[in-house]
């Protein structure tokens, strides 16, 4: 693949890719301490992918999520 195709793919899926990488990095950090290794990696990568996809589709996803969890106006 050439560089332009890779960059176009990344730009169209940046939320999913960044979320999955964040989940992977977090899971590797926990795995260095030790924890149900294979299952934890799978759960973190899938959760990172899911959150990244939500952020990619809805830019206010984090804000709306915090509104549901915390009392309104807490994080502003």
PDB file of N, CA and C in Angstrom:
ATOM      1  N   UNK A   1       0.842  -1.182   0.000  1.00  0.00           N
ATOM      2  CA  UNK A   1       0.000   0.000   0.000  1.00  0.00           C
ATOM      3  C   UNK A   1       0.884   1.241   0.000  1.00  0.00           C
ATOM      4  N   UNK A   2       0.393   2.265  -0.642  1.00  0.00           N
ATOM      5  CA  UNK A   2       1.176   3.482  -0.632  1.00  0.00           C
ATOM      6  C   UNK A   2       0.762   4.375   0.537  1.00  0.00           C
ATOM      7  N   UNK A   3       1.562   5.389   0.768  1.00  0.00           N
ATOM      8  CA  UNK A   3       1.398   6.261   1.928  1.00  0.00           C
ATOM      9  C   UNK A   3       0.053   6.997   1.920  1.00  0.00           C
ATOM     10  N   UNK A   4      -0.399   7.423   0.750  1.00  0.00           N
ATOM     11  CA  UNK A   4      -1.658   8.173   0.665  1.00  0.00           C
ATOM     12  C   UNK A   4      -2.855   7.315   1.070  1.00  0.00           C
ATOM     13  N   UNK A   5      -2.853   6.040   0.661  1.00  0.00           N
ATOM     14  CA  UNK A   5      -3.954   5.136   1.021  1.00  0.00           C
ATOM     15  C   UNK A   5      -3.978   4.889   2.518  1.00  0.00           C
ATOM     16  N   UNK A   6      -2.804   4.719   3.114  1.00  0.00           N
ATOM     17  CA  UNK A   6      -2.728   4.486   4.557  1.00  0.00           C
ATOM     18  C   UNK A   6      -3.220   5.715   5.314  1.00  0.00           C
ATOM     19  N   UNK A   7      -2.792   6.902   4.899  1.00  0.00           N
ATOM     20  CA  UNK A   7      -3.238   8.123   5.559  1.00  0.00           C
ATOM     21  C   UNK A   7      -4.733   8.349   5.367  1.00  0.00           C
ATOM     22  N   UNK A   8      -5.264   8.051   4.198  1.00  0.00           N
ATOM     23  CA  UNK A   8      -6.704   8.192   3.956  1.00  0.00           C
ATOM     24  C   UNK A   8      -7.488   7.225   4.841  1.00  0.00           C
ATOM     25  N   UNK A   9      -6.988   5.989   4.977  1.00  0.00           N
ATOM     26  CA  UNK A   9      -7.650   5.015   5.842  1.00  0.00           C
ATOM     27  C   UNK A   9      -7.623   5.476   7.295  1.00  0.00           C
ATOM     28  N   UNK A  10      -6.475   5.989   7.738  1.00  0.00           N
ATOM     29  CA  UNK A  10      -6.363   6.468   9.118  1.00  0.00           C
ATOM     30  C   UNK A  10      -7.296   7.648   9.364  1.00  0.00           C
ATOM     31  N   UNK A  11      -7.345   8.573   8.429  1.00  0.00           N
ATOM     32  CA  UNK A  11      -8.206   9.747   8.602  1.00  0.00           C
ATOM     33  C   UNK A  11      -9.675   9.373   8.644  1.00  0.00           C
ATOM     34  N   UNK A  12     -10.071   8.351   7.912  1.00  0.00           N
ATOM     35  CA  UNK A  12     -11.475   7.959   7.914  1.00  0.00           C
ATOM     36  C   UNK A  12     -11.834   7.101   9.125  1.00  0.00           C
ATOM     37  N   UNK A  13     -10.839   6.540   9.813  1.00  0.00           N
ATOM     38  CA  UNK A  13     -11.086   5.679  10.974  1.00  0.00           C
ATOM     39  C   UNK A  13     -10.229   6.067  12.169  1.00  0.00           C
ATOM     40  N   UNK A  14      -9.952   7.364  12.339  1.00  0.00           N
ATOM     41  CA  UNK A  14      -9.019   7.779  13.391  1.00  0.00           C
ATOM     42  C   UNK A  14      -9.546   7.465  14.790  1.00  0.00           C
ATOM     43  N   UNK A  15     -10.829   7.579  15.024  1.00  0.00           N
ATOM     44  CA  UNK A  15     -11.375   7.297  16.348  1.00  0.00           C
ATOM     45  C   UNK A  15     -11.233   5.835  16.733  1.00  0.00           C
ATOM     46  N   UNK A  16     -11.560   4.961  15.793  1.00  0.00           N
ATOM     47  CA  UNK A  16     -11.466   3.521  16.054  1.00  0.00           C
ATOM     48  C   UNK A  16     -10.022   3.093  16.280  1.00  0.00           C
ATOM     49  N   UNK A  17      -9.123   3.596  15.445  1.00  0.00           N
ATOM     50  CA  UNK A  17      -7.712   3.213  15.552  1.00  0.00           C
ATOM     51  C   UNK A  17      -7.113   3.731  16.856  1.00  0.00           C
ATOM     52  N   UNK A  18      -7.346   4.993  17.174  1.00  0.00           N
ATOM     53  CA  UNK A  18      -6.798   5.559  18.404  1.00  0.00           C
ATOM     54  C   UNK A  18      -7.403   4.912  19.636  1.00  0.00           C
ATOM     55  N   UNK A  19      -8.692   4.619  19.605  1.00  0.00           N
ATOM     56  CA  UNK A  19      -9.322   3.953  20.733  1.00  0.00           C
ATOM     57  C   UNK A  19      -8.784   2.550  20.958  1.00  0.00           C
ATOM     58  N   UNK A  20      -8.606   1.815  19.875  1.00  0.00           N
ATOM     59  CA  UNK A  20      -8.059   0.461  19.993  1.00  0.00           C
ATOM     60  C   UNK A  20      -6.617   0.495  20.493  1.00  0.00           C
ATOM     61  N   UNK A  21      -5.827   1.444  20.005  1.00  0.00           N
ATOM     62  CA  UNK A  21      -4.448   1.555  20.478  1.00  0.00           C
ATOM     63  C   UNK A  21      -4.393   1.959  21.951  1.00  0.00           C
ATOM     64  N   UNK A  22      -5.283   2.861  22.356  1.00  0.00           N
ATOM     65  CA  UNK A  22      -5.336   3.248  23.769  1.00  0.00           C
ATOM     66  C   UNK A  22      -5.692   2.072  24.656  1.00  0.00           C
ATOM     67  N   UNK A  23      -6.672   1.281  24.231  1.00  0.00           N
ATOM     68  CA  UNK A  23      -7.042   0.086  24.980  1.00  0.00           C
ATOM     69  C   UNK A  23      -5.925  -0.930  25.034  1.00  0.00           C
ATOM     70  N   UNK A  24      -5.206  -1.070  23.925  1.00  0.00           N
ATOM     71  CA  UNK A  24      -4.086  -2.010  23.888  1.00  0.00           C
ATOM     72  C   UNK A  24      -2.967  -1.571  24.817  1.00  0.00           C
ATOM     73  N   UNK A  25      -2.632  -0.294  24.798  1.00  0.00           N
ATOM     74  CA  UNK A  25      -1.563   0.207  25.671  1.00  0.00           C
ATOM     75  C   UNK A  25      -1.942   0.035  27.135  1.00  0.00           C
ATOM     76  N   UNK A  26      -3.198   0.346  27.463  1.00  0.00           N
ATOM     77  CA  UNK A  26      -3.663   0.177  28.843  1.00  0.00           C
ATOM     78  C   UNK A  26      -3.611  -1.281  29.257  1.00  0.00           C
ATOM     79  N   UNK A  27      -4.050  -2.163  28.376  1.00  0.00           N
ATOM     80  CA  UNK A  27      -4.057  -3.584  28.733  1.00  0.00           C
ATOM     81  C   UNK A  27      -2.640  -4.129  28.905  1.00  0.00           C
ATOM     82  N   UNK A  28      -1.701  -3.696  28.070  1.00  0.00           N
ATOM     83  CA  UNK A  28      -0.316  -4.169  28.207  1.00  0.00           C
ATOM     84  C   UNK A  28       0.274  -3.691  29.532  1.00  0.00           C
ATOM     85  N   UNK A  29      -0.063  -2.462  29.929  1.00  0.00           N
ATOM     86  CA  UNK A  29       0.419  -1.954  31.208  1.00  0.00           C
ATOM     87  C   UNK A  29      -0.097  -2.802  32.363  1.00  0.00           C
ATOM     88  N   UNK A  30      -1.369  -3.133  32.324  1.00  0.00           N
ATOM     89  CA  UNK A  30      -1.932  -3.974  33.387  1.00  0.00           C
ATOM     90  C   UNK A  30      -1.353  -5.377  33.318  1.00  0.00           C
ATOM     91  N   UNK A  31      -1.115  -5.875  32.121  1.00  0.00           N
ATOM     92  CA  UNK A  31      -0.569  -7.225  31.984  1.00  0.00           C
ATOM     93  C   UNK A  31       0.841  -7.342  32.545  1.00  0.00           C
ATOM     94  N   UNK A  32       1.587  -6.262  32.502  1.00  0.00           N
ATOM     95  CA  UNK A  32       2.920  -6.310  33.085  1.00  0.00           C
ATOM     96  C   UNK A  32       2.838  -6.550  34.589  1.00  0.00           C
ATOM     97  N   UNK A  33       1.750  -6.100  35.194  1.00  0.00           N
ATOM     98  CA  UNK A  33       1.520  -6.370  36.610  1.00  0.00           C
ATOM     99  C   UNK A  33       0.940  -7.776  36.780  1.00  0.00           C
ATOM    100  N   UNK A  34       0.138  -8.208  35.804  1.00  0.00           N
ATOM    101  CA  UNK A  34      -0.413  -9.550  35.819  1.00  0.00           C
ATOM    102  C   UNK A  34      -1.922  -9.577  36.008  1.00  0.00           C
ATOM    103  N   UNK A  35      -2.641 -10.187  35.089  1.00  0.00           N
ATOM    104  CA  UNK A  35      -4.106 -10.277  35.168  1.00  0.00           C
ATOM    105  C   UNK A  35      -4.573 -11.103  33.991  1.00  0.00           C
ATOM    106  N   UNK A  36      -5.595 -11.835  34.100  1.00  0.00           N
ATOM    107  CA  UNK A  36      -6.124 -12.730  33.072  1.00  0.00           C
ATOM    108  C   UNK A  36      -5.814 -12.217  31.663  1.00  0.00           C
ATOM    109  N   UNK A  37      -4.650 -12.578  31.225  1.00  0.00           N
ATOM    110  CA  UNK A  37      -3.983 -11.906  30.109  1.00  0.00           C
ATOM    111  C   UNK A  37      -4.792 -11.831  28.807  1.00  0.00           C
ATOM    112  N   UNK A  38      -5.118 -12.906  28.255  1.00  0.00           N
ATOM    113  CA  UNK A  38      -5.754 -12.893  26.946  1.00  0.00           C
ATOM    114  C   UNK A  38      -7.124 -12.241  26.972  1.00  0.00           C
ATOM    115  N   UNK A  39      -7.913 -12.544  27.969  1.00  0.00           N
ATOM    116  CA  UNK A  39      -9.254 -11.972  28.079  1.00  0.00           C
ATOM    117  C   UNK A  39      -9.179 -10.473  28.295  1.00  0.00           C
ATOM    118  N   UNK A  40      -8.258 -10.034  29.125  1.00  0.00           N
ATOM    119  CA  UNK A  40      -8.144  -8.607  29.397  1.00  0.00           C
ATOM    120  C   UNK A  40      -7.735  -7.816  28.155  1.00  0.00           C
ATOM    121  N   UNK A  41      -6.807  -8.336  27.371  1.00  0.00           N
ATOM    122  CA  UNK A  41      -6.417  -7.654  26.133  1.00  0.00           C
ATOM    123  C   UNK A  41      -7.626  -7.533  25.211  1.00  0.00           C
ATOM    124  N   UNK A  42      -8.353  -8.613  25.045  1.00  0.00           N
ATOM    125  CA  UNK A  42      -9.513  -8.591  24.153  1.00  0.00           C
ATOM    126  C   UNK A  42     -10.560  -7.582  24.624  1.00  0.00           C
ATOM    127  N   UNK A  43     -10.837  -7.547  25.921  1.00  0.00           N
ATOM    128  CA  UNK A  43     -11.834  -6.622  26.457  1.00  0.00           C
ATOM    129  C   UNK A  43     -11.382  -5.178  26.281  1.00  0.00           C
ATOM    130  N   UNK A  44     -10.137  -4.878  26.572  1.00  0.00           N
ATOM    131  CA  UNK A  44      -9.634  -3.502  26.443  1.00  0.00           C
ATOM    132  C   UNK A  44      -9.612  -3.030  24.996  1.00  0.00           C
ATOM    133  N   UNK A  45      -9.177  -3.877  24.093  1.00  0.00           N
ATOM    134  CA  UNK A  45      -9.139  -3.480  22.690  1.00  0.00           C
ATOM    135  C   UNK A  45     -10.551  -3.270  22.160  1.00  0.00           C
ATOM    136  N   UNK A  46     -11.467  -4.148  22.506  1.00  0.00           N
ATOM    137  CA  UNK A  46     -12.854  -3.986  22.058  1.00  0.00           C
ATOM    138  C   UNK A  46     -13.504  -2.751  22.669  1.00  0.00           C
ATOM    139  N   UNK A  47     -13.246  -2.503  23.938  1.00  0.00           N
ATOM    140  CA  UNK A  47     -13.800  -1.302  24.576  1.00  0.00           C
ATOM    141  C   UNK A  47     -13.202  -0.038  23.956  1.00  0.00           C
ATOM    142  N   UNK A  48     -11.909  -0.040  23.693  1.00  0.00           N
ATOM    143  CA  UNK A  48     -11.276   1.098  23.044  1.00  0.00           C
ATOM    144  C   UNK A  48     -11.820   1.331  21.648  1.00  0.00           C
ATOM    145  N   UNK A  49     -12.040   0.266  20.929  1.00  0.00           N
ATOM    146  CA  UNK A  49     -12.624   0.383  19.595  1.00  0.00           C
ATOM    147  C   UNK A  49     -14.034   0.955  19.678  1.00  0.00           C
ATOM    148  N   UNK A  50     -14.834   0.468  20.613  1.00  0.00           N
ATOM    149  CA  UNK A  50     -16.216   0.929  20.766  1.00  0.00           C
ATOM    150  C   UNK A  50     -16.268   2.413  21.129  1.00  0.00           C
ATOM    151  N   UNK A  51     -15.471   2.826  22.092  1.00  0.00           N
ATOM    152  CA  UNK A  51     -15.455   4.233  22.508  1.00  0.00           C
ATOM    153  C   UNK A  51     -14.913   5.111  21.385  1.00  0.00           C
ATOM    154  N   UNK A  52     -13.862   4.666  20.713  1.00  0.00           N
ATOM    155  CA  UNK A  52     -13.319   5.422  19.594  1.00  0.00           C
ATOM    156  C   UNK A  52     -14.323   5.586  18.464  1.00  0.00           C
ATOM    157  N   UNK A  53     -15.086   4.544  18.196  1.00  0.00           N
ATOM    158  CA  UNK A  53     -16.111   4.626  17.155  1.00  0.00           C
ATOM    159  C   UNK A  53     -17.219   5.588  17.564  1.00  0.00           C
ATOM    160  N   UNK A  54     -17.605   5.571  18.838  1.00  0.00           N
ATOM    161  CA  UNK A  54     -18.624   6.507  19.326  1.00  0.00           C
ATOM    162  C   UNK A  54     -18.129   7.942  19.221  1.00  0.00           C
ATOM    163  N   UNK A  55     -16.885   8.195  19.592  1.00  0.00           N
ATOM    164  CA  UNK A  55     -16.316   9.544  19.515  1.00  0.00           C
ATOM    165  C   UNK A  55     -16.203   9.980  18.068  1.00  0.00           C
ATOM    166  N   UNK A  56     -15.862   9.054  17.187  1.00  0.00           N
ATOM    167  CA  UNK A  56     -15.745   9.375  15.768  1.00  0.00           C
ATOM    168  C   UNK A  56     -17.091   9.778  15.176  1.00  0.00           C
ATOM    169  N   UNK A  57     -18.166   9.140  15.620  1.00  0.00           N
ATOM    170  CA  UNK A  57     -19.504   9.434  15.105  1.00  0.00           C
ATOM    171  C   UNK A  57     -20.153  10.616  15.797  1.00  0.00           C
ATOM    172  N   UNK A  58     -19.893  10.825  17.095  1.00  0.00           N
ATOM    173  CA  UNK A  58     -20.532  11.886  17.870  1.00  0.00           C
ATOM    174  C   UNK A  58     -19.456  12.609  18.666  1.00  0.00           C
ATOM    175  N   UNK A  59     -19.115  13.818  18.259  1.00  0.00           N
ATOM    176  CA  UNK A  59     -18.034  14.567  18.897  1.00  0.00           C
ATOM    177  C   UNK A  59     -18.336  14.917  20.353  1.00  0.00           C
ATOM    178  N   UNK A  60     -19.602  14.974  20.736  1.00  0.00           N
ATOM    179  CA  UNK A  60     -19.993  15.305  22.112  1.00  0.00           C
ATOM    180  C   UNK A  60     -20.279  14.070  22.950  1.00  0.00           C
ATOM    181  N   UNK A  61     -19.784  12.908  22.530  1.00  0.00           N
ATOM    182  CA  UNK A  61     -20.083  11.660  23.239  1.00  0.00           C
ATOM    183  C   UNK A  61     -19.579  11.690  24.681  1.00  0.00           C
ATOM    184  N   UNK A  62     -18.346  12.134  24.888  1.00  0.00           N
ATOM    185  CA  UNK A  62     -17.768  12.183  26.235  1.00  0.00           C
ATOM    186  C   UNK A  62     -18.561  13.152  27.104  1.00  0.00           C
ATOM    187  N   UNK A  63     -18.883  14.300  26.546  1.00  0.00           N
ATOM    188  CA  UNK A  63     -19.662  15.304  27.287  1.00  0.00           C
ATOM    189  C   UNK A  63     -21.033  14.742  27.672  1.00  0.00           C
ATOM    190  N   UNK A  64     -21.702  14.089  26.741  1.00  0.00           N
ATOM    191  CA  UNK A  64     -23.009  13.494  27.036  1.00  0.00           C
ATOM    192  C   UNK A  64     -22.893  12.349  28.037  1.00  0.00           C
ATOM    193  N   UNK A  65     -21.832  11.573  27.936  1.00  0.00           N
ATOM    194  CA  UNK A  65     -21.617  10.474  28.882  1.00  0.00           C
ATOM    195  C   UNK A  65     -21.407  11.014  30.293  1.00  0.00           C
ATOM    196  N   UNK A  66     -20.597  12.071  30.412  1.00  0.00           N
ATOM    197  CA  UNK A  66     -20.371  12.669  31.730  1.00  0.00           C
ATOM    198  C   UNK A  66     -21.646  13.310  32.275  1.00  0.00           C
ATOM    199  N   UNK A  67     -22.476  13.854  31.391  1.00  0.00           N
ATOM    200  CA  UNK A  67     -23.763  14.408  31.825  1.00  0.00           C
ATOM    201  C   UNK A  67     -24.648  13.328  32.427  1.00  0.00           C
ATOM    202  N   UNK A  68     -24.605  12.120  31.862  1.00  0.00           N
ATOM    203  CA  UNK A  68     -25.426  11.028  32.391  1.00  0.00           C
ATOM    204  C   UNK A  68     -24.874  10.486  33.704  1.00  0.00           C
ATOM    205  N   UNK A  69     -23.538  10.469  33.855  1.00  0.00           N
ATOM    206  CA  UNK A  69     -22.917   9.877  35.040  1.00  0.00           C
ATOM    207  C   UNK A  69     -22.853  10.872  36.193  1.00  0.00           C
ATOM    208  N   UNK A  70     -22.359  12.073  35.919  1.00  0.00           N
ATOM    209  CA  UNK A  70     -22.153  13.088  36.951  1.00  0.00           C
ATOM    210  C   UNK A  70     -23.336  14.053  37.009  1.00  0.00           C
ATOM    211  N   UNK A  71     -23.476  14.752  38.117  1.00  0.00           N
ATOM    212  CA  UNK A  71     -24.511  15.801  38.155  1.00  0.00           C
ATOM    213  C   UNK A  71     -24.193  16.864  37.087  1.00  0.00           C
ATOM    214  N   UNK A  72     -25.207  17.459  36.485  1.00  0.00           N
ATOM    215  CA  UNK A  72     -24.959  18.439  35.421  1.00  0.00           C
ATOM    216  C   UNK A  72     -24.095  19.597  35.900  1.00  0.00           C
ATOM    217  N   UNK A  73     -23.149  19.996  35.058  1.00  0.00           N
ATOM    218  CA  UNK A  73     -22.282  21.130  35.349  1.00  0.00           C
ATOM    219  C   UNK A  73     -21.069  20.807  36.197  1.00  0.00           C
ATOM    220  N   UNK A  74     -20.867  19.560  36.587  1.00  0.00           N
ATOM    221  CA  UNK A  74     -19.763  19.181  37.468  1.00  0.00           C
ATOM    222  C   UNK A  74     -18.413  19.319  36.781  1.00  0.00           C
ATOM    223  N   UNK A  75     -18.297  18.950  35.531  1.00  0.00           N
ATOM    224  CA  UNK A  75     -17.006  18.904  34.857  1.00  0.00           C
ATOM    225  C   UNK A  75     -16.707  20.165  34.071  1.00  0.00           C
ATOM    226  N   UNK A  76     -17.537  21.164  34.103  1.00  0.00           N
ATOM    227  CA  UNK A  76     -17.322  22.386  33.303  1.00  0.00           C
ATOM    228  C   UNK A  76     -16.519  23.390  34.052  1.00  0.00           C
TER     229      UNK A  76
END
